[in-house]
Amino acid sequence: MKKRNQGFSLIELIVAFAILGVVALIVLDFTTSTANTYRMVSNDLSLQYEAQLTMGQLQEYLIDCDGGISVQGNELYIVSEKESGGYVTHCFSYAATKRELYYSTGEVNLDGTLATCALGEQYLLARDLSDFQVSYKRNDTKTTVSVKFHFLRGERQYTSEQSIFIRNEITTAGTWDTLLQLVCA
């Protein structure tokens, strides 16, 4: 008895390659959709993380503020007393055209009855910020500051709102210059 070992026929090879192609397309589609989902979730988490860091930074200065605050346009000024005496100003400035939030600080100088402050270098605190709103409300001796951020990166967006209760009795003013004079008087 003679065995005929001729290999695969052309039809068998075409069917095998067709099945292999379908399986490869399914695997490729699954891999692509998984990568896209990972990218979207990663962007969402990145926005949330940046919002939490930014809010945390603001909270740190607002909660323990013992001088005063002023909201002037896109800028929030916080004047606090230093442990060693004197005052320091913290400024959070929103640059709407750049969609960035900056932080700067400076020592308050007292010259007789006049208080002045030169803010130092601005440090980038957050980017991709499409909206930054700050307002405050006074009830008797307590002040509540409401902060709202809206981050926008590509098509992904994240909004963070928080009301922060300031522990100490503080001064509020419409302008930073007025605030400096009231707090340091």
Protein backbone atom coordinates (compact mmCIF):
# COMPACT_ATOMS: atom_id res chain seq x y z
CA MET A 1 0.00 0.00 0.00
CA LYS A 2 1.39 3.32 -1.09
CA LYS A 3 0.82 6.51 0.83
CA ARG A 4 0.39 9.72 -1.06
CA ASN A 5 1.79 12.69 0.88
CA GLN A 6 1.02 15.67 -1.30
CA GLY A 7 0.52 18.41 1.42
CA PHE A 8 -2.35 20.85 1.56
CA SER A 9 -4.55 21.71 -1.33
CA LEU A 10 -4.94 25.30 -2.49
CA ILE A 11 -8.50 25.47 -1.11
CA GLU A 12 -7.33 24.31 2.32
CA LEU A 13 -4.62 27.01 2.37
CA ILE A 14 -7.06 29.78 1.36
CA VAL A 15 -9.53 28.71 4.06
CA ALA A 16 -6.76 28.57 6.69
CA PHE A 17 -5.51 32.07 5.78
CA ALA A 18 -9.05 33.46 5.81
CA ILE A 19 -9.65 32.07 9.30
CA LEU A 20 -6.27 33.41 10.45
CA GLY A 21 -7.11 36.85 9.00
CA VAL A 22 -10.48 36.99 10.80
CA VAL A 23 -8.86 36.00 14.12
CA ALA A 24 -6.10 38.62 13.61
CA LEU A 25 -8.71 41.35 12.91
CA ILE A 26 -10.63 40.44 16.06
CA VAL A 27 -7.45 40.57 18.17
CA LEU A 28 -6.39 43.89 16.58
CA ASP A 29 -9.83 45.44 17.18
CA PHE A 30 -9.81 44.29 20.81
CA THR A 31 -6.30 45.66 21.35
CA THR A 32 -7.17 49.02 19.76
CA SER A 33 -10.36 49.47 21.77
CA THR A 34 -8.54 48.54 24.99
CA ALA A 35 -5.78 51.07 24.26
CA ASN A 36 -8.35 53.80 23.51
CA THR A 37 -10.25 53.05 26.72
CA TYR A 38 -7.00 53.15 28.71
CA ARG A 39 -6.08 56.51 27.15
CA MET A 40 -9.50 58.02 27.97
CA VAL A 41 -9.47 56.76 31.56
CA SER A 42 -5.88 57.93 31.99
CA ASN A 43 -6.80 61.45 30.76
CA ASP A 44 -9.82 61.55 33.09
CA LEU A 45 -7.69 60.51 36.06
CA SER A 46 -5.01 63.02 35.12
CA LEU A 47 -7.58 65.84 35.05
CA GLN A 48 -9.08 64.75 38.37
CA TYR A 49 -5.64 64.47 39.96
CA GLU A 50 -4.61 67.92 38.76
CA ALA A 51 -7.89 69.38 40.06
CA GLN A 52 -7.36 67.73 43.46
CA LEU A 53 -3.78 69.01 43.70
CA THR A 54 -4.85 72.52 42.74
CA MET A 55 -7.78 72.53 45.18
CA GLY A 56 -5.54 71.14 47.91
CA GLN A 57 -3.02 73.93 47.39
CA LEU A 58 -5.73 76.58 47.62
CA GLN A 59 -7.27 74.96 50.70
CA GLU A 60 -3.92 74.94 52.47
CA TYR A 61 -3.65 78.73 52.27
CA LEU A 62 -7.35 79.55 52.73
CA ILE A 63 -8.18 77.38 55.74
CA ASP A 64 -5.39 78.82 57.89
CA CYS A 65 -5.65 82.38 56.59
CA ASP A 66 -5.48 84.80 59.52
CA GLY A 67 -5.16 88.10 57.65
CA GLY A 68 -7.59 88.58 54.81
CA ILE A 69 -8.64 87.76 51.28
CA SER A 70 -9.48 89.74 48.19
CA VAL A 71 -10.90 88.57 44.87
CA GLN A 72 -10.01 90.97 42.10
CA GLY A 73 -10.94 89.85 38.58
CA ASN A 74 -9.11 86.60 37.88
CA GLU A 75 -6.89 86.91 40.95
CA LEU A 76 -7.26 85.68 44.52
CA TYR A 77 -5.08 87.38 47.14
CA ILE A 78 -4.57 85.80 50.56
CA VAL A 79 -2.72 87.78 53.23
CA SER A 80 -1.54 85.81 56.27
CA GLU A 81 0.56 86.57 59.30
CA LYS A 82 3.95 84.84 59.44
CA GLU A 83 5.03 82.96 62.57
CA SER A 84 8.10 85.20 62.78
CA GLY A 85 5.96 88.34 62.57
CA GLY A 86 4.94 90.43 59.62
CA TYR A 87 2.71 89.40 56.74
CA VAL A 88 2.97 87.48 53.49
CA THR A 89 0.72 87.59 50.42
CA HIS A 90 -0.17 84.53 48.34
CA CYS A 91 -1.62 85.24 44.91
CA PHE A 92 -3.46 82.79 42.67
CA SER A 93 -3.76 84.30 39.21
CA TYR A 94 -5.79 82.82 36.34
CA ALA A 95 -4.53 83.55 32.82
CA ALA A 96 -7.65 82.85 30.73
CA THR A 97 -5.91 83.17 27.36
CA LYS A 98 -3.27 80.60 28.33
CA ARG A 99 -5.79 78.51 30.33
CA GLU A 100 -3.31 78.34 33.22
CA LEU A 101 -3.38 79.09 36.95
CA TYR A 102 -0.29 80.65 38.52
CA TYR A 103 0.88 81.03 42.10
CA SER A 104 3.16 83.72 43.47
CA THR A 105 4.03 85.03 46.90
CA GLY A 106 5.66 88.07 48.44
CA GLU A 107 6.56 89.64 51.78
CA VAL A 108 4.46 92.58 52.92
CA ASN A 109 6.58 95.63 53.73
CA LEU A 110 5.40 98.17 56.29
CA ASP A 111 6.64 101.71 55.79
CA GLY A 112 5.03 103.70 58.57
CA THR A 113 1.32 103.34 57.91
CA LEU A 114 1.69 102.23 54.29
CA ALA A 115 1.77 98.49 53.48
CA THR A 116 3.24 97.37 50.14
CA CYS A 117 4.05 94.02 48.63
CA ALA A 118 6.03 93.01 45.58
CA LEU A 119 5.01 89.56 44.40
CA GLY A 120 7.80 87.24 43.30
CA GLU A 121 8.04 84.90 40.35
CA GLN A 122 4.87 83.20 39.15
CA TYR A 123 4.83 79.41 39.30
CA LEU A 124 2.54 77.32 37.14
CA LEU A 125 0.01 75.60 39.38
CA ALA A 126 -2.40 74.13 36.81
CA ARG A 127 -2.94 74.04 33.06
CA ASP A 128 -5.90 73.19 30.80
CA LEU A 129 -8.09 75.30 33.08
CA SER A 130 -11.00 76.71 31.09
CA ASP A 131 -12.71 78.43 34.05
CA PHE A 132 -11.68 79.62 37.51
CA GLN A 133 -14.20 81.26 39.83
CA VAL A 134 -13.74 82.40 43.41
CA SER A 135 -16.27 84.11 45.64
CA TYR A 136 -16.65 84.59 49.37
CA LYS A 137 -19.46 85.07 51.82
CA ARG A 138 -19.25 86.45 55.36
CA ASN A 139 -21.58 85.29 58.14
CA ASP A 140 -20.92 87.16 61.40
CA THR A 141 -17.25 86.37 62.04
CA LYS A 142 -16.86 83.36 59.71
CA THR A 143 -15.99 83.50 56.03
CA THR A 144 -16.74 80.84 53.44
CA VAL A 145 -14.82 80.84 50.17
CA SER A 146 -16.34 79.04 47.16
CA VAL A 147 -13.89 77.86 44.51
CA LYS A 148 -14.80 76.35 41.14
CA PHE A 149 -12.41 74.94 38.53
CA HIS A 150 -13.29 73.64 35.10
CA PHE A 151 -10.53 71.66 33.39
CA LEU A 152 -10.72 70.93 29.67
CA ARG A 153 -8.18 68.73 27.88
CA GLY A 154 -9.16 67.75 24.35
CA GLU A 155 -12.72 66.45 24.61
CA ARG A 156 -12.31 65.42 28.26
CA GLN A 157 -13.48 67.77 31.00
CA TYR A 158 -13.68 67.83 34.77
CA THR A 159 -15.30 70.34 37.12
CA SER A 160 -14.39 70.70 40.78
CA GLU A 161 -16.33 72.87 43.22
CA GLN A 162 -15.67 73.32 46.90
CA SER A 163 -16.71 75.57 49.76
CA ILE A 164 -13.87 76.23 52.18
CA PHE A 165 -14.57 77.47 55.70
CA ILE A 166 -11.82 79.73 56.98
CA ARG A 167 -10.93 78.94 60.61
CA ASN A 168 -9.97 82.44 61.68
CA GLU A 169 -11.72 85.76 61.62
CA ILE A 170 -10.37 87.60 58.59
CA THR A 171 -10.71 90.86 56.69
CA THR A 172 -12.16 90.99 53.19
CA ALA A 173 -11.69 93.78 50.67
CA GLY A 174 -12.52 94.57 47.06
CA THR A 175 -8.91 95.27 46.10
CA TRP A 176 -5.56 93.89 47.12
CA ASP A 177 -4.15 97.33 48.02
CA THR A 178 -7.11 98.01 50.32
CA LEU A 179 -6.72 94.57 51.88
CA LEU A 180 -3.03 95.23 52.63
CA GLN A 181 -3.84 98.52 54.36
CA LEU A 182 -6.70 96.99 56.42
CA VAL A 183 -4.82 93.88 57.52
CA CYS A 184 -1.58 95.64 58.37
CA ALA A 185 -3.16 98.64 60.13
